[in-house]
Amino acid sequence: MPDMLQNENLPSEIGDAIQIIFSKWSEEEKQAFSMIEMIELNSLKLTLGLDIRNLFQLWSGNQKLLLACQRETEEHPALKEILWKIFYLSSWEEGLLDEEKRGERAKEEEKIAFDEVFSEMNAYLASELIIYMAWSSLQKKPE
């Protein structure tokens, strides 16, 4: 994908961002992406996620797309649980060093970490949402 779009061409909706991504991919790339297991999407946050953050200027100025991503997670709270399981749960669990922390204390810490992740929409979370939504849209297409 190219580095960045011009400001006047920046998408302001998630669907538009997904269409731009897909327009840059071959059918083979779309097929390969659709074959990835959901949990494996985490491995794309530093590659595809970085491309998305750069292309759509999520670091520095595409507030409309960030707001669209925030709206999406507010309107569909189940998305937060999905994103947590894909992109954050495993790294949070790695922080549990001993058996003592598992159990009630771990549940409390997980809730705090979850609330912190979703306290505000940022470039990382928006790119992760777009990765998931793009993948999900390919799952719904019949062969």
Protein backbone atom coordinates (compact mmCIF):
# COMPACT_ATOMS: atom_id res chain seq x y z
CA MET A 1 0.00 0.00 0.00
CA PRO A 2 1.23 3.56 -0.60
CA ASP A 3 2.48 5.73 2.24
CA MET A 4 -0.44 8.10 2.69
CA LEU A 5 -3.48 9.47 0.91
CA GLN A 6 -3.95 13.17 0.32
CA ASN A 7 -6.14 14.85 2.95
CA GLU A 8 -9.05 15.31 0.54
CA ASN A 9 -9.02 11.56 -0.23
CA LEU A 10 -8.95 10.31 3.36
CA PRO A 11 -11.88 8.04 4.19
CA SER A 12 -14.17 9.12 6.98
CA GLU A 13 -15.99 5.79 7.30
CA ILE A 14 -14.70 2.28 8.02
CA GLY A 15 -16.36 0.80 4.94
CA ASP A 16 -14.61 3.33 2.72
CA ALA A 17 -11.25 2.50 4.32
CA ILE A 18 -11.84 -1.20 3.74
CA GLN A 19 -12.73 -0.59 0.09
CA ILE A 20 -9.50 1.37 -0.40
CA ILE A 21 -7.48 -1.47 1.13
CA PHE A 22 -9.20 -4.07 -1.03
CA SER A 23 -8.75 -1.93 -4.16
CA LYS A 24 -4.98 -2.19 -3.63
CA TRP A 25 -4.98 -5.98 -3.19
CA SER A 26 -5.12 -8.69 -5.82
CA GLU A 27 -7.79 -11.39 -5.64
CA GLU A 28 -5.10 -13.77 -4.39
CA GLU A 29 -4.18 -11.42 -1.55
CA LYS A 30 -7.84 -11.06 -0.54
CA GLN A 31 -8.24 -14.84 -0.64
CA ALA A 32 -5.13 -15.36 1.50
CA PHE A 33 -6.33 -12.74 4.00
CA SER A 34 -9.74 -14.40 4.20
CA MET A 35 -8.10 -17.75 5.04
CA ILE A 36 -6.36 -16.41 8.16
CA GLU A 37 -7.82 -17.62 11.45
CA MET A 38 -9.33 -14.79 13.48
CA ILE A 39 -6.79 -15.08 16.31
CA GLU A 40 -3.96 -14.84 13.76
CA LEU A 41 -5.03 -11.27 12.92
CA ASN A 42 -2.91 -10.22 15.90
CA SER A 43 0.21 -11.01 13.87
CA LEU A 44 -0.81 -8.33 11.33
CA LYS A 45 -0.97 -5.36 13.69
CA LEU A 46 2.67 -4.41 13.11
CA THR A 47 2.55 -4.85 9.32
CA LEU A 48 -0.93 -4.29 7.91
CA GLY A 49 -1.81 -2.24 10.98
CA LEU A 50 1.14 0.09 10.38
CA ASP A 51 0.17 0.42 6.71
CA ILE A 52 -3.39 1.33 7.73
CA ARG A 53 -2.21 3.87 10.32
CA ASN A 54 0.07 5.52 7.75
CA LEU A 55 -2.21 5.31 4.71
CA PHE A 56 -5.21 6.80 6.48
CA GLN A 57 -3.20 9.24 8.61
CA LEU A 58 -4.55 7.84 11.85
CA TRP A 59 -1.49 9.14 13.70
CA SER A 60 -2.08 12.75 12.88
CA GLY A 61 -5.28 14.05 11.61
CA ASN A 62 -7.93 11.75 10.27
CA GLN A 63 -10.25 12.50 13.13
CA LYS A 64 -13.33 11.58 11.09
CA LEU A 65 -12.16 7.99 10.66
CA LEU A 66 -11.13 7.78 14.33
CA LEU A 67 -14.60 9.00 15.32
CA ALA A 68 -16.22 6.49 12.95
CA CYS A 69 -14.21 3.73 14.64
CA GLN A 70 -15.23 4.97 18.07
CA ARG A 71 -18.90 5.07 16.99
CA GLU A 72 -18.63 1.51 15.68
CA THR A 73 -17.35 0.16 18.99
CA GLU A 74 -19.95 2.14 20.94
CA GLU A 75 -22.80 0.93 18.73
CA HIS A 76 -21.55 -2.68 18.73
CA PRO A 77 -20.02 -3.35 22.18
CA ALA A 78 -19.35 -7.00 21.24
CA LEU A 79 -16.59 -5.66 18.96
CA LYS A 80 -14.64 -4.60 22.04
CA GLU A 81 -14.68 -8.18 23.35
CA ILE A 82 -13.59 -9.50 19.94
CA LEU A 83 -10.75 -6.98 19.62
CA TRP A 84 -9.66 -7.69 23.20
CA LYS A 85 -9.46 -11.43 22.50
CA ILE A 86 -7.56 -10.96 19.23
CA PHE A 87 -5.15 -8.14 19.98
CA TYR A 88 -4.80 -7.74 23.76
CA LEU A 89 -5.72 -10.79 25.82
CA SER A 90 -2.61 -12.85 25.08
CA SER A 91 -0.22 -10.01 25.90
CA TRP A 92 -2.18 -9.25 29.07
CA GLU A 93 -2.06 -12.92 30.09
CA GLU A 94 1.71 -12.96 29.56
CA GLY A 95 1.90 -10.38 32.34
CA LEU A 96 0.47 -12.87 34.84
CA LEU A 97 3.66 -14.23 36.28
CA ASP A 98 2.50 -16.43 39.08
CA GLU A 99 -0.45 -18.57 40.06
CA GLU A 100 -1.37 -16.18 42.85
CA LYS A 101 -2.38 -13.52 40.33
CA ARG A 102 -4.76 -15.84 38.51
CA GLY A 103 -8.26 -15.95 39.89
CA GLU A 104 -10.22 -13.00 41.29
CA ARG A 105 -7.29 -10.59 41.24
CA ALA A 106 -6.58 -11.47 37.61
CA LYS A 107 -10.23 -10.85 36.70
CA GLU A 108 -10.07 -7.41 38.31
CA GLU A 109 -6.81 -6.60 36.55
CA GLU A 110 -8.21 -7.80 33.23
CA LYS A 111 -11.25 -5.53 33.63
CA ILE A 112 -8.99 -2.57 34.40
CA ALA A 113 -6.78 -3.34 31.38
CA PHE A 114 -9.85 -3.81 29.16
CA ASP A 115 -11.35 -0.49 30.28
CA GLU A 116 -8.02 1.25 29.69
CA VAL A 117 -7.65 -0.12 26.15
CA PHE A 118 -11.13 1.05 25.19
CA SER A 119 -11.13 4.35 27.12
CA GLU A 120 -10.42 6.29 23.93
CA MET A 121 -10.03 5.55 20.25
CA ASN A 122 -6.45 5.88 19.05
CA ALA A 123 -4.52 5.00 15.90
CA TYR A 124 -3.63 1.52 17.12
CA LEU A 125 -7.13 0.53 18.16
CA ALA A 126 -8.63 2.02 14.99
CA SER A 127 -6.23 0.07 12.77
CA GLU A 128 -7.00 -3.13 14.68
CA LEU A 129 -10.72 -2.52 14.23
CA ILE A 130 -10.23 -1.94 10.49
CA ILE A 131 -8.15 -5.13 10.19
CA TYR A 132 -10.89 -7.11 11.92
CA MET A 133 -13.74 -5.49 9.97
CA ALA A 134 -11.93 -6.07 6.65
CA TRP A 135 -11.31 -9.71 7.53
CA SER A 136 -14.87 -10.13 8.75
CA SER A 137 -16.31 -8.68 5.55
CA LEU A 138 -14.46 -11.32 3.52
CA GLN A 139 -15.82 -14.08 5.77
CA LYS A 140 -19.38 -13.19 4.82
CA LYS A 141 -18.84 -13.47 1.06
CA PRO A 142 -19.98 -16.74 -0.47
CA GLU A 143 -17.47 -18.76 -2.52
